[in-house]
Amino acid sequence: MFGIINYSVFIISGIVLNLTPGADTIYILGNSISNGKKVGIMSALGISTGCIVHTIMAALGLSVILAKSAMAFNIIKYLGAAYLIYLGIRFLISKSSLVVQKDSNSSSLIKIYFQGVITNVLNPKVALFFLAFLPQFIHPNNSYGVIPFLILGFTFITTATLWSIVLVIFSSYIAGRLSEKMGLATSLNKITGAVFIALGLNLLRAKLGEM
């Protein structure tokens, strides 16, 4: 089908990978727990949009630049790590309560969406994942150009987004109940900030040969 092989195996593999906690999952959970369901969903949509960018880059062969150039890889890595650490520091110094943040207006939600996009796009490990994972399910003699890349990429992104929304609904509900009963809003912000900083520091440790 359009140059794709073992499509059912790809779907199952993708779901298993989606269920495995990663940096994107932790990012989405952190925003959901600290800021509520709306912010969590916008974070998930932002991450998904970033994955679309990576899919297109892999389809066009642009991700090969990151795979071949240590300089390009490191530039993206440092930008991504710096952005995550910046977001983490903002959470740490934030004094806003969970209830106030949950009532985010549309402009704030759009900002959260683009934060998710930037966080994902500036993670070179995601780019190399798509570059390594998708071709395994494309026929060696593919004659459909970028079509199989796009089909596989959007399939993976769809299942990932659905799973992320489930996590958002569940985690924001639990966090909201705990915050109302125990006044944990500020503490949740601090925890989320620490997690984001840890993600940034972990990204700094990434090396091209380890991808």
Protein backbone atom coordinates (compact mmCIF):
# COMPACT_ATOMS: atom_id res chain seq x y z
CA MET A 1 0.00 0.00 0.00
CA PHE A 2 1.69 3.19 -1.24
CA GLY A 3 5.10 1.66 -0.70
CA ILE A 4 4.40 0.74 2.93
CA ILE A 5 5.23 -2.71 4.29
CA ASN A 6 3.99 -4.34 7.53
CA TYR A 7 1.60 -1.47 8.25
CA SER A 8 -0.18 -3.37 11.04
CA VAL A 9 3.17 -4.07 12.70
CA PHE A 10 3.98 -0.37 12.43
CA ILE A 11 0.72 0.60 14.15
CA ILE A 12 1.31 -1.84 17.01
CA SER A 13 4.93 -0.74 17.38
CA GLY A 14 3.85 2.89 17.36
CA ILE A 15 1.26 2.34 20.08
CA VAL A 16 3.82 0.55 22.25
CA LEU A 17 6.23 3.45 21.79
CA ASN A 18 3.47 5.93 22.59
CA LEU A 19 2.76 4.13 25.85
CA THR A 20 6.43 4.34 26.81
CA PRO A 21 7.06 7.54 28.83
CA GLY A 22 9.42 9.95 27.10
CA ALA A 23 10.39 13.61 27.21
CA ASP A 24 7.27 14.72 25.32
CA THR A 25 5.00 12.74 27.63
CA ILE A 26 6.65 14.24 30.71
CA TYR A 27 6.35 17.72 29.21
CA ILE A 28 2.64 17.27 28.53
CA LEU A 29 1.99 15.77 31.96
CA GLY A 30 3.88 18.60 33.64
CA ASN A 31 1.75 21.25 31.96
CA SER A 32 -1.46 19.31 32.62
CA ILE A 33 -0.73 18.83 36.29
CA SER A 34 0.30 22.44 36.91
CA ASN A 35 -2.00 24.30 34.52
CA GLY A 36 -5.04 22.12 33.93
CA LYS A 37 -6.73 20.31 31.07
CA LYS A 38 -6.92 23.11 28.48
CA VAL A 39 -3.23 23.86 28.75
CA GLY A 40 -2.40 20.15 28.68
CA ILE A 41 -4.36 19.62 25.48
CA MET A 42 -2.73 22.63 23.80
CA SER A 43 0.67 21.28 24.86
CA ALA A 44 -0.18 17.91 23.30
CA LEU A 45 -1.34 19.58 20.06
CA GLY A 46 1.85 21.62 19.99
CA ILE A 47 3.99 18.51 20.40
CA SER A 48 1.99 16.79 17.65
CA THR A 49 2.56 19.72 15.31
CA GLY A 50 6.27 19.49 16.04
CA CYS A 51 6.14 15.81 15.09
CA ILE A 52 4.50 16.78 11.80
CA VAL A 53 7.47 19.05 11.12
CA HIS A 54 9.86 16.17 11.88
CA THR A 55 7.87 13.85 9.60
CA ILE A 56 8.12 16.30 6.71
CA MET A 57 11.82 16.81 7.38
CA ALA A 58 12.40 13.04 7.32
CA ALA A 59 10.34 12.68 4.14
CA LEU A 60 12.34 15.39 2.39
CA GLY A 61 15.65 14.05 3.66
CA LEU A 62 16.39 17.16 5.71
CA SER A 63 16.79 15.18 8.95
CA VAL A 64 19.84 13.53 7.39
CA ILE A 65 21.66 16.82 7.99
CA LEU A 66 21.27 16.32 11.75
CA ALA A 67 22.35 12.69 11.44
CA LYS A 68 25.50 13.62 9.51
CA SER A 69 26.49 16.95 11.05
CA ALA A 70 27.60 17.09 14.68
CA MET A 71 27.52 20.89 14.52
CA ALA A 72 23.89 21.02 13.35
CA PHE A 73 22.92 18.41 15.92
CA ASN A 74 24.58 20.33 18.75
CA ILE A 75 23.09 23.68 17.73
CA ILE A 76 19.56 22.26 17.82
CA LYS A 77 20.35 20.37 21.03
CA TYR A 78 21.60 23.45 22.87
CA LEU A 79 18.68 25.58 21.70
CA GLY A 80 16.20 22.92 22.80
CA ALA A 81 17.87 22.40 26.18
CA ALA A 82 18.06 26.14 26.82
CA TYR A 83 14.36 26.54 26.03
CA LEU A 84 13.33 23.71 28.37
CA ILE A 85 15.48 25.12 31.18
CA TYR A 86 13.99 28.57 30.56
CA LEU A 87 10.46 27.16 30.87
CA GLY A 88 11.49 25.30 34.02
CA ILE A 89 12.82 28.45 35.65
CA ARG A 90 9.59 30.27 34.80
CA PHE A 91 7.64 27.55 36.60
CA LEU A 92 9.95 27.71 39.62
CA ILE A 93 9.53 31.46 40.08
CA SER A 94 5.81 31.45 39.27
CA LYS A 95 3.52 32.40 42.15
CA SER A 96 0.26 31.89 40.25
CA SER A 97 -2.23 29.42 41.62
CA LEU A 98 -3.45 26.39 39.71
CA VAL A 99 -6.99 27.74 39.55
CA VAL A 100 -5.92 31.01 37.94
CA GLN A 101 -3.78 29.23 35.37
CA LYS A 102 -6.56 26.84 34.46
CA ASP A 103 -8.67 29.78 33.32
CA SER A 104 -6.16 30.69 30.60
CA ASN A 105 -7.46 32.98 27.86
CA SER A 106 -7.13 32.18 24.18
CA SER A 107 -3.88 34.13 23.73
CA SER A 108 -2.27 32.22 26.60
CA LEU A 109 -3.40 28.90 25.13
CA ILE A 110 -1.94 29.82 21.75
CA LYS A 111 1.33 30.66 23.51
CA ILE A 112 1.30 27.26 25.22
CA TYR A 113 0.64 25.60 21.85
CA PHE A 114 3.69 27.22 20.27
CA GLN A 115 5.79 26.33 23.31
CA GLY A 116 4.95 22.71 22.60
CA VAL A 117 5.85 23.11 18.92
CA ILE A 118 9.21 24.72 19.75
CA THR A 119 10.02 22.19 22.46
CA ASN A 120 9.50 19.31 20.05
CA VAL A 121 11.10 20.84 16.95
CA LEU A 122 14.23 21.76 18.92
CA ASN A 123 14.74 18.19 20.10
CA PRO A 124 17.17 16.55 17.65
CA LYS A 125 16.48 13.14 19.18
CA VAL A 126 12.91 13.30 17.85
CA ALA A 127 14.17 14.14 14.36
CA LEU A 128 16.55 11.19 14.36
CA PHE A 129 13.84 8.90 15.75
CA PHE A 130 11.57 9.59 12.77
CA LEU A 131 14.52 9.25 10.40
CA ALA A 132 15.39 5.82 11.82
CA PHE A 133 11.91 4.44 12.57
CA LEU A 134 9.80 5.28 9.51
CA PRO A 135 12.08 3.85 6.76
CA GLN A 136 11.89 0.39 8.35
CA PHE A 137 8.31 0.16 7.09
CA ILE A 138 8.86 1.56 3.60
CA HIS A 139 9.57 -0.75 0.67
CA PRO A 140 13.18 -0.51 -0.60
CA ASN A 141 11.85 0.02 -4.12
CA ASN A 142 9.34 2.65 -3.06
CA SER A 143 8.03 4.59 -6.06
CA TYR A 144 5.56 6.82 -4.22
CA GLY A 145 8.01 9.51 -3.14
CA VAL A 146 7.22 11.08 0.22
CA ILE A 147 3.71 9.58 0.48
CA PRO A 148 4.66 6.54 2.64
CA PHE A 149 6.65 8.78 5.00
CA LEU A 150 3.66 11.07 5.43
CA ILE A 151 1.17 8.22 5.94
CA LEU A 152 3.36 6.51 8.54
CA GLY A 153 4.21 9.77 10.26
CA PHE A 154 0.61 10.94 10.52
CA THR A 155 -0.48 7.49 11.72
CA PHE A 156 2.08 7.60 14.53
CA ILE A 157 1.18 11.18 15.40
CA THR A 158 -2.55 10.38 15.53
CA THR A 159 -2.15 7.52 18.01
CA ALA A 160 0.31 9.59 20.05
CA THR A 161 -2.07 12.55 20.21
CA LEU A 162 -5.02 10.41 21.29
CA TRP A 163 -2.95 8.81 24.05
CA SER A 164 -1.65 12.21 25.15
CA ILE A 165 -5.18 13.59 25.46
CA VAL A 166 -6.16 10.61 27.63
CA LEU A 167 -3.18 11.36 29.88
CA VAL A 168 -4.08 15.05 29.99
CA ILE A 169 -7.67 14.41 31.07
CA PHE A 170 -6.66 11.91 33.73
CA SER A 171 -3.67 13.81 35.16
CA SER A 172 -5.38 17.23 35.21
CA TYR A 173 -8.39 15.76 37.01
CA ILE A 174 -6.26 14.10 39.69
CA ALA A 175 -4.08 17.20 40.12
CA GLY A 176 -7.13 19.45 40.36
CA ARG A 177 -8.68 17.33 43.09
CA LEU A 178 -5.44 17.17 45.06
CA SER A 179 -4.89 20.91 44.73
CA GLU A 180 -8.40 21.74 45.96
CA LYS A 181 -8.06 19.48 48.98
CA MET A 182 -4.42 20.03 49.88
CA GLY A 183 -3.47 23.42 48.41
CA LEU A 184 -0.68 22.00 46.26
CA ALA A 185 -0.81 24.55 43.43
CA THR A 186 2.52 26.24 44.20
CA SER A 187 4.21 22.93 44.91
CA LEU A 188 3.01 21.52 41.59
CA ASN A 189 4.54 24.49 39.79
CA LYS A 190 7.86 23.89 41.54
CA ILE A 191 7.82 20.19 40.71
CA THR A 192 6.98 20.89 37.07
CA GLY A 193 9.75 23.48 36.87
CA ALA A 194 12.27 21.01 38.27
CA VAL A 195 11.12 18.36 35.78
CA PHE A 196 11.50 20.74 32.82
CA ILE A 197 15.00 21.71 33.94
CA ALA A 198 15.88 18.03 34.31
CA LEU A 199 14.62 17.40 30.76
CA GLY A 200 16.78 20.24 29.49
CA LEU A 201 19.87 18.95 31.29
CA ASN A 202 19.18 15.45 30.01
CA LEU A 203 18.96 16.78 26.45
CA LEU A 204 22.38 18.40 26.93
CA ARG A 205 23.80 14.94 27.56
CA ALA A 206 22.61 13.63 24.18
CA LYS A 207 25.34 12.65 21.73
CA LEU A 208 24.95 12.09 18.01
CA GLY A 209 26.48 8.62 18.08
CA GLU A 210 24.05 7.46 20.77
CA MET A 211 20.89 8.17 18.76
